[in-house]
Amino acid sequence: MRNDSAFRVAIFPGDGIGHEITAPTLRLVERAAARTGGLGFDWRPCQAGAATYRDEGTALPGPALAEARAADAILLAAMGLPSVRYPDGREITPQIDLRMELGLYAGVRPVKPVPGVRPVLADARAHDIDYVIIRESTEGLFAPSAPGTRPGPDEARETMVVTRPVCESVFDFSFHLAAERAQALGRPGRVTSVDKANVFQAFAFWREIFAERAAHHPDIAADLAYVDAFAMTMVQKPWVIDVAVTENMFGDILSDLGAALMGGMGYAPSADIGDAHAVFQPCHGSAPDIAGKGLANPTAMILSAAMMLEWLAQRHAAPEAARAGGLIRGAVDAAFAPGALVTCELGGQAGTEAVFEAVGDALERLDA
């Protein structure tokens, strides 16, 4: 773990565009850290992903998992290749394996558009969108304790798993986050449970536990929403949302909808956080169709690194890490705010290098 001079960070470039966006992001982090003083990093490169599975027969080698366990934080770029699959047809997803192995129950998916990025919604209030989806990331329909089955040639089954200990952990995490946001933003906090309790027994149980944990956080408002209605809210009036907590599969879908509101997956950072470990990664995939062409938008990776710094600051009482994360966020906003930096998913010409250069230039102009 951390020594007196550096944070130990496991680095997973993964597959496809992951390799193109990793090294420049680490350089940005180092530049931001140098501006705040007294912050060092011990980068630990780790091999994992679809290409590793193809070449070595394992997607998450033992040494890489051991390094992840020993690290102060884990920064992951992208994993998976559509052409490389397990024998049963499933894609290679060691990022999910890391969540299960390390108990990363809270998938944190911020939805906050970058100033200057072309808005998806025409409403003037779109600039007020600032909420977080918390995706329970170890159970639900992804639970490894209840894998899907094929009883016969005409049937397939999946099982949803909801347990009290994990629900309590993810609900408490959500209420604590809402309290932090309320203090930072100067307004009341609210947590919304997003479920389908009118149909599924598992979600009726989910709601029972949510009500129990809400009673332990009386300063934060708690409300309920069915997932279909909540999806409409995300499109019609997303500026009213604060923190929303939901099951694994629902969170997978809703967080991608949130990314669309930000301009695309290239702008959407994320984290998967547990009691002892955390992984930070962009929401996008490995995009092998554009790998090596210099087109990948690295913004989500950069912002994920900022989230990592802010988490390290909280965990280790390291305010210089929080300042470095704030510098990176400010540099991203300053780079895009004029509106001239338009990436390929929005029809522009700004490629990977152009974004890194613009953010780096903005970083040097900001006061530390």
Protein backbone atom coordinates (compact mmCIF):
# COMPACT_ATOMS: atom_id res chain seq x y z
CA MET A 1 0.00 0.00 0.00
CA ARG A 2 1.00 3.65 0.10
CA ASN A 3 4.47 4.49 1.29
CA ASP A 4 5.50 7.91 2.57
CA SER A 5 6.06 9.36 -0.88
CA ALA A 6 3.79 7.69 -3.43
CA PHE A 7 0.42 6.10 -4.08
CA ARG A 8 0.69 2.60 -5.51
CA VAL A 9 -1.70 2.39 -8.47
CA ALA A 10 -2.40 -0.74 -10.53
CA ILE A 11 -2.73 0.24 -14.20
CA PHE A 12 -4.79 -1.90 -16.60
CA PRO A 13 -4.55 -0.55 -20.19
CA GLY A 14 -6.56 -3.56 -21.36
CA ASP A 15 -7.54 -3.80 -25.01
CA GLY A 16 -8.09 -1.63 -28.08
CA ILE A 17 -8.02 2.09 -27.45
CA GLY A 18 -7.15 1.46 -23.82
CA HIS A 19 -3.46 1.54 -24.66
CA GLU A 20 -3.78 4.89 -26.48
CA ILE A 21 -5.45 6.74 -23.64
CA THR A 22 -3.58 5.31 -20.65
CA ALA A 23 -0.03 6.69 -20.81
CA PRO A 24 -1.07 10.29 -21.66
CA THR A 25 -3.58 10.23 -18.80
CA LEU A 26 -0.87 9.19 -16.36
CA ARG A 27 1.27 12.09 -17.56
CA LEU A 28 -1.61 14.50 -16.96
CA VAL A 29 -2.06 13.14 -13.45
CA GLU A 30 1.64 13.65 -12.76
CA ARG A 31 1.50 17.20 -14.10
CA ALA A 32 -1.50 18.03 -11.91
CA ALA A 33 0.17 16.42 -8.91
CA ALA A 34 3.34 18.43 -9.49
CA ARG A 35 1.26 21.60 -9.30
CA THR A 36 -0.09 20.69 -5.85
CA GLY A 37 3.19 19.45 -4.37
CA GLY A 38 4.18 16.42 -2.34
CA LEU A 39 2.20 13.83 -4.32
CA GLY A 40 3.89 10.90 -6.05
CA PHE A 41 2.79 7.73 -7.81
CA ASP A 42 4.12 4.22 -8.12
CA TRP A 43 2.49 3.05 -11.35
CA ARG A 44 2.17 -0.76 -11.58
CA PRO A 45 1.28 -1.91 -15.14
CA CYS A 46 -0.92 -5.03 -15.23
CA GLN A 47 -1.80 -7.27 -18.15
CA ALA A 48 -5.42 -8.42 -18.42
CA GLY A 49 -8.19 -8.44 -20.97
CA ALA A 50 -9.32 -10.20 -24.11
CA ALA A 51 -5.92 -10.12 -25.80
CA THR A 52 -4.37 -11.61 -22.66
CA TYR A 53 -6.97 -14.37 -22.71
CA ARG A 54 -6.27 -15.02 -26.38
CA ASP A 55 -2.50 -15.17 -25.84
CA GLU A 56 -2.25 -16.73 -22.37
CA GLY A 57 -5.54 -18.55 -21.81
CA THR A 58 -6.57 -16.38 -18.86
CA ALA A 59 -8.23 -12.97 -18.86
CA LEU A 60 -7.12 -11.91 -15.38
CA PRO A 61 -3.77 -13.53 -14.54
CA GLY A 62 -2.94 -14.19 -10.90
CA PRO A 63 -0.12 -11.63 -10.71
CA ALA A 64 -2.41 -8.89 -12.06
CA LEU A 65 -5.12 -9.71 -9.51
CA ALA A 66 -2.52 -9.77 -6.73
CA GLU A 67 -1.24 -6.35 -7.82
CA ALA A 68 -4.80 -5.01 -7.81
CA ARG A 69 -5.31 -6.30 -4.27
CA ALA A 70 -2.09 -4.65 -3.08
CA ALA A 71 -2.66 -1.29 -4.76
CA ASP A 72 -4.00 1.90 -3.23
CA ALA A 73 -6.23 2.29 -6.30
CA ILE A 74 -6.80 0.72 -9.70
CA LEU A 75 -7.03 2.66 -12.97
CA LEU A 76 -8.48 0.68 -15.86
CA ALA A 77 -8.84 1.87 -19.45
CA ALA A 78 -10.93 -0.60 -21.47
CA MET A 79 -11.26 -4.37 -21.78
CA GLY A 80 -12.86 -6.76 -24.22
CA LEU A 81 -12.76 -7.55 -27.93
CA PRO A 82 -15.85 -8.70 -29.83
CA SER A 83 -13.76 -11.23 -31.74
CA VAL A 84 -12.40 -12.92 -28.60
CA ARG A 85 -14.93 -14.83 -26.52
CA TYR A 86 -15.23 -17.65 -24.05
CA PRO A 87 -16.27 -21.04 -25.48
CA ASP A 88 -19.90 -20.42 -24.44
CA GLY A 89 -20.04 -17.20 -26.49
CA ARG A 90 -19.74 -14.65 -23.68
CA GLU A 91 -17.35 -11.73 -24.10
CA ILE A 92 -14.19 -11.46 -22.03
CA THR A 93 -14.92 -9.11 -19.10
CA PRO A 94 -12.20 -9.22 -16.43
CA GLN A 95 -13.36 -5.78 -15.30
CA ILE A 96 -16.45 -7.55 -13.93
CA ASP A 97 -14.23 -10.23 -12.40
CA LEU A 98 -12.36 -7.47 -10.52
CA ARG A 99 -15.64 -6.17 -9.09
CA MET A 100 -16.54 -9.60 -7.80
CA GLU A 101 -13.07 -10.50 -6.51
CA LEU A 102 -12.61 -7.19 -4.66
CA GLY A 103 -16.18 -6.70 -3.45
CA LEU A 104 -16.76 -3.47 -5.37
CA TYR A 105 -20.47 -3.19 -4.68
CA ALA A 106 -20.95 0.52 -5.49
CA GLY A 107 -20.75 1.39 -9.17
CA VAL A 108 -20.53 5.19 -9.26
CA ARG A 109 -21.68 6.73 -12.55
CA PRO A 110 -21.69 10.56 -12.50
CA VAL A 111 -23.89 12.29 -15.06
CA LYS A 112 -22.65 15.85 -15.52
CA PRO A 113 -22.11 17.26 -19.03
CA VAL A 114 -18.80 18.98 -19.77
CA PRO A 115 -19.30 22.70 -20.50
CA GLY A 116 -18.98 23.41 -24.20
CA VAL A 117 -19.82 19.88 -25.32
CA ARG A 118 -22.86 20.03 -27.58
CA PRO A 119 -25.94 19.34 -25.40
CA VAL A 120 -28.20 16.44 -26.27
CA LEU A 121 -31.30 18.03 -24.73
CA ALA A 122 -32.57 21.33 -26.12
CA ASP A 123 -33.99 22.53 -22.79
CA ALA A 124 -31.97 25.41 -21.31
CA ARG A 125 -31.92 23.59 -17.98
CA ALA A 126 -29.73 20.88 -19.50
CA HIS A 127 -26.67 22.74 -18.17
CA ASP A 128 -27.99 22.03 -14.65
CA ILE A 129 -27.72 18.24 -15.04
CA ASP A 130 -25.57 16.96 -12.19
CA TYR A 131 -26.51 13.63 -10.65
CA VAL A 132 -25.02 10.24 -9.83
CA ILE A 133 -26.31 6.75 -10.56
CA ILE A 134 -25.14 4.17 -8.02
CA ARG A 135 -25.22 0.73 -9.61
CA GLU A 136 -25.04 -2.21 -7.21
CA SER A 137 -22.22 -4.04 -8.99
CA THR A 138 -21.83 -7.52 -7.48
CA GLU A 139 -25.31 -9.06 -7.37
CA GLY A 140 -28.60 -8.67 -9.21
CA LEU A 141 -28.67 -10.41 -12.57
CA PHE A 142 -24.84 -10.44 -12.63
CA ALA A 143 -24.45 -12.44 -9.41
CA PRO A 144 -21.76 -15.13 -9.85
CA SER A 145 -23.49 -17.19 -7.16
CA ALA A 146 -26.41 -17.79 -9.52
CA PRO A 147 -25.09 -18.24 -13.08
CA GLY A 148 -27.47 -18.60 -15.98
CA THR A 149 -28.52 -22.08 -17.04
CA ARG A 150 -29.73 -23.85 -20.17
CA PRO A 151 -32.02 -26.66 -18.93
CA GLY A 152 -32.73 -27.80 -22.46
CA PRO A 153 -32.70 -26.78 -26.13
CA ASP A 154 -35.82 -24.63 -25.74
CA GLU A 155 -35.13 -22.79 -22.49
CA ALA A 156 -32.61 -20.54 -20.75
CA ARG A 157 -32.85 -19.10 -17.23
CA GLU A 158 -31.22 -16.30 -15.23
CA THR A 159 -31.57 -15.63 -11.49
CA MET A 160 -31.57 -12.26 -9.73
CA VAL A 161 -29.83 -12.23 -6.36
CA VAL A 162 -30.50 -9.51 -3.77
CA THR A 163 -28.98 -9.89 -0.30
CA ARG A 164 -29.38 -7.78 2.82
CA PRO A 165 -25.65 -7.18 3.57
CA VAL A 166 -24.86 -5.89 0.08
CA CYS A 167 -28.03 -3.79 -0.11
CA GLU A 168 -27.26 -2.19 3.24
CA SER A 169 -23.74 -1.36 2.08
CA VAL A 170 -24.79 0.16 -1.23
CA PHE A 171 -27.70 2.10 0.30
CA ASP A 172 -25.51 3.54 3.06
CA PHE A 173 -22.92 4.47 0.43
CA SER A 174 -25.63 6.28 -1.55
CA PHE A 175 -26.91 8.24 1.45
CA HIS A 176 -23.38 9.24 2.47
CA LEU A 177 -22.69 10.41 -1.08
CA ALA A 178 -25.91 12.44 -1.12
CA ALA A 179 -24.87 14.09 2.15
CA GLU A 180 -21.46 14.99 0.71
CA ARG A 181 -23.08 16.42 -2.41
CA ALA A 182 -25.59 18.40 -0.34
CA GLN A 183 -22.78 20.03 1.60
CA ALA A 184 -20.71 20.73 -1.52
CA LEU A 185 -23.62 22.06 -3.61
CA GLY A 186 -25.43 23.90 -0.82
CA ARG A 187 -28.81 22.26 -1.21
CA PRO A 188 -30.79 19.35 0.28
CA GLY A 189 -29.76 15.84 -0.71
CA ARG A 190 -32.00 13.07 -2.01
CA VAL A 191 -31.60 9.38 -2.80
CA THR A 192 -34.00 7.66 -5.16
CA SER A 193 -34.39 3.87 -5.19
CA VAL A 194 -34.89 2.75 -8.80
CA ASP A 195 -36.46 -0.72 -9.03
CA LYS A 196 -39.40 -2.78 -10.27
CA ALA A 197 -41.01 -3.67 -6.95
CA ASN A 198 -44.49 -3.84 -8.49
CA VAL A 199 -43.49 -7.01 -10.37
CA PHE A 200 -40.51 -8.73 -8.73
CA GLN A 201 -40.27 -10.14 -5.19
CA ALA A 202 -36.55 -9.38 -5.16
CA PHE A 203 -37.29 -5.68 -5.57
CA ALA A 204 -39.97 -5.71 -2.89
CA PHE A 205 -37.23 -6.99 -0.57
CA TRP A 206 -34.87 -4.32 -1.97
CA ARG A 207 -37.41 -1.61 -1.04
CA GLU A 208 -37.82 -2.96 2.49
CA ILE A 209 -34.09 -2.66 3.10
CA PHE A 210 -33.96 0.76 1.44
CA ALA A 211 -36.63 2.05 3.84
CA GLU A 212 -34.71 0.65 6.81
CA ARG A 213 -31.45 2.35 5.78
CA ALA A 214 -33.21 5.61 4.88
CA ALA A 215 -34.41 5.81 8.48
CA HIS A 216 -30.76 5.95 9.55
CA HIS A 217 -30.19 9.03 7.37
CA PRO A 218 -33.05 11.40 8.29
CA ASP A 219 -31.31 14.48 6.89
CA ILE A 220 -31.44 13.06 3.35
CA ALA A 221 -34.74 12.74 1.50
CA ALA A 222 -35.57 9.28 0.19
CA ASP A 223 -37.98 8.46 -2.59
CA LEU A 224 -38.91 5.59 -4.90
CA ALA A 225 -39.23 5.18 -8.66
CA TYR A 226 -39.96 2.33 -11.02
CA VAL A 227 -37.18 1.91 -13.54
CA ASP A 228 -39.34 2.63 -16.60
CA ALA A 229 -40.65 5.89 -15.12
CA PHE A 230 -37.16 6.85 -13.98
CA ALA A 231 -35.81 6.36 -17.51
CA MET A 232 -38.37 8.90 -18.71
CA THR A 233 -37.30 11.32 -15.98
CA MET A 234 -33.70 11.00 -17.17
CA VAL A 235 -34.78 12.24 -20.59
CA GLN A 236 -37.57 14.69 -19.69
CA LYS A 237 -36.19 16.44 -16.58
CA PRO A 238 -32.84 14.99 -15.49
CA TRP A 239 -31.94 18.17 -13.60
CA VAL A 240 -34.26 17.08 -10.74
CA ILE A 241 -32.23 13.94 -9.96
CA ASP A 242 -29.59 13.86 -7.22
CA VAL A 243 -28.44 10.31 -6.33
CA ALA A 244 -30.20 7.24 -7.71
CA VAL A 245 -29.40 3.71 -6.53
CA THR A 246 -30.41 0.66 -8.51
CA GLU A 247 -29.79 -3.00 -9.26
CA ASN A 248 -26.87 -4.17 -11.40
CA MET A 249 -28.61 -4.71 -14.75
CA PHE A 250 -30.80 -1.63 -14.45
CA GLY A 251 -27.71 0.39 -13.52
CA ASP A 252 -25.86 -0.94 -16.55
CA ILE A 253 -28.60 0.33 -18.85
CA LEU A 254 -29.40 3.62 -17.11
CA SER A 255 -25.77 4.66 -16.81
CA ASP A 256 -25.39 4.34 -20.58
CA LEU A 257 -28.45 6.52 -21.03
CA GLY A 258 -26.80 9.02 -18.71
CA ALA A 259 -23.64 8.88 -20.81
CA ALA A 260 -25.71 9.73 -23.88
CA LEU A 261 -26.96 12.87 -22.13
CA MET A 262 -23.32 13.90 -21.67
CA GLY A 263 -22.54 13.58 -25.37
CA GLY A 264 -21.49 9.94 -25.50
CA MET A 265 -19.50 7.27 -23.73
CA GLY A 266 -16.27 9.13 -24.37
CA TYR A 267 -17.31 11.74 -21.79
CA ALA A 268 -18.56 9.37 -19.08
CA PRO A 269 -16.22 8.44 -16.20
CA SER A 270 -16.99 5.87 -13.53
CA ALA A 271 -15.77 4.07 -10.43
CA ASP A 272 -16.50 0.76 -8.75
CA ILE A 273 -15.92 1.11 -5.02
CA GLY A 274 -15.92 -1.32 -2.11
CA ASP A 275 -14.86 -1.19 1.50
CA ALA A 276 -11.14 -1.71 0.79
CA HIS A 277 -10.58 -1.26 -2.95
CA ALA A 278 -11.71 0.86 -5.90
CA VAL A 279 -11.43 0.69 -9.69
CA PHE A 280 -11.70 3.81 -11.83
CA GLN A 281 -12.47 3.50 -15.52
CA PRO A 282 -14.25 5.18 -18.43
CA CYS A 283 -17.69 3.81 -19.21
CA HIS A 284 -16.77 3.11 -22.84
CA GLY A 285 -15.43 -0.12 -24.27
CA SER A 286 -12.25 -0.91 -26.15
CA ALA A 287 -13.57 0.38 -29.54
CA PRO A 288 -11.38 -1.87 -31.71
CA ASP A 289 -12.83 -0.30 -34.86
CA ILE A 290 -10.97 2.95 -34.17
CA ALA A 291 -7.99 1.57 -32.24
CA GLY A 292 -4.69 2.89 -33.55
CA LYS A 293 -6.29 5.66 -35.59
CA GLY A 294 -5.86 8.47 -33.06
CA LEU A 295 -9.61 9.11 -32.94
CA ALA A 296 -10.47 7.93 -29.42
CA ASN A 297 -11.92 10.52 -27.07
CA PRO A 298 -9.88 10.28 -23.83
CA THR A 299 -12.07 12.62 -21.76
CA ALA A 300 -13.79 9.84 -19.79
CA MET A 301 -10.42 8.33 -18.93
CA ILE A 302 -9.08 11.70 -17.78
CA LEU A 303 -12.14 12.34 -15.61
CA SER A 304 -11.94 8.81 -14.18
CA ALA A 305 -8.38 9.62 -13.10
CA ALA A 306 -9.71 12.76 -11.40
CA MET A 307 -12.27 10.62 -9.55
CA MET A 308 -9.42 8.34 -8.47
CA LEU A 309 -7.47 11.27 -7.03
CA GLU A 310 -10.50 12.53 -5.12
CA TRP A 311 -11.16 9.06 -3.67
CA LEU A 312 -7.51 8.71 -2.64
CA ALA A 313 -7.76 12.11 -0.98
CA GLN A 314 -10.69 10.96 1.16
CA ARG A 315 -9.24 7.57 1.98
CA HIS A 316 -5.79 8.82 2.94
CA ALA A 317 -6.56 12.33 4.21
CA ALA A 318 -4.47 13.72 1.36
CA PRO A 319 -5.84 17.16 0.40
CA GLU A 320 -3.16 17.56 -2.27
CA ALA A 321 -4.74 14.65 -4.14
CA ALA A 322 -8.13 16.38 -4.05
CA ARG A 323 -6.54 19.56 -5.39
CA ALA A 324 -4.90 17.61 -8.21
CA GLY A 325 -8.24 16.03 -9.09
CA GLY A 326 -9.88 19.44 -9.08
CA LEU A 327 -7.18 20.80 -11.37
CA ILE A 328 -7.84 18.02 -13.87
CA ARG A 329 -11.60 18.65 -13.80
CA GLY A 330 -11.03 22.36 -14.23
CA ALA A 331 -8.67 21.75 -17.14
CA VAL A 332 -11.22 19.54 -18.92
CA ASP A 333 -13.92 22.19 -18.48
CA ALA A 334 -11.61 24.97 -19.67
CA ALA A 335 -10.48 23.00 -22.71
CA PHE A 336 -14.01 22.26 -23.92
CA ALA A 337 -15.85 25.39 -22.76
CA PRO A 338 -15.16 27.52 -25.88
CA GLY A 339 -16.93 24.88 -27.98
CA ALA A 340 -14.23 24.50 -30.63
CA LEU A 341 -12.96 21.13 -29.36
CA VAL A 342 -15.35 18.62 -30.92
CA THR A 343 -14.57 14.92 -30.82
CA CYS A 344 -15.36 12.29 -33.43
CA GLU A 345 -18.51 10.85 -31.80
CA LEU A 346 -20.08 14.31 -32.15
CA GLY A 347 -18.94 14.75 -35.74
CA GLY A 348 -15.79 16.74 -35.01
CA GLN A 349 -12.14 16.40 -35.92
CA ALA A 350 -10.52 16.56 -32.46
CA GLY A 351 -8.72 13.28 -31.94
CA THR A 352 -6.92 11.77 -28.98
CA GLU A 353 -3.81 13.93 -29.20
CA ALA A 354 -5.78 17.14 -29.70
CA VAL A 355 -7.83 16.53 -26.55
CA PHE A 356 -4.79 15.71 -24.44
CA GLU A 357 -2.97 18.77 -25.75
CA ALA A 358 -5.93 21.08 -25.07
CA VAL A 359 -6.46 19.73 -21.56
CA GLY A 360 -2.74 19.89 -20.82
CA ASP A 361 -2.54 23.50 -22.00
CA ALA A 362 -5.55 24.41 -19.89
CA LEU A 363 -4.00 22.70 -16.88
CA GLU A 364 -0.94 24.95 -17.07
CA ARG A 365 -3.12 28.07 -17.12
CA LEU A 366 -5.08 27.19 -13.98
CA ASP A 367 -4.10 28.35 -10.53
CA ALA A 368 -3.11 25.42 -8.32
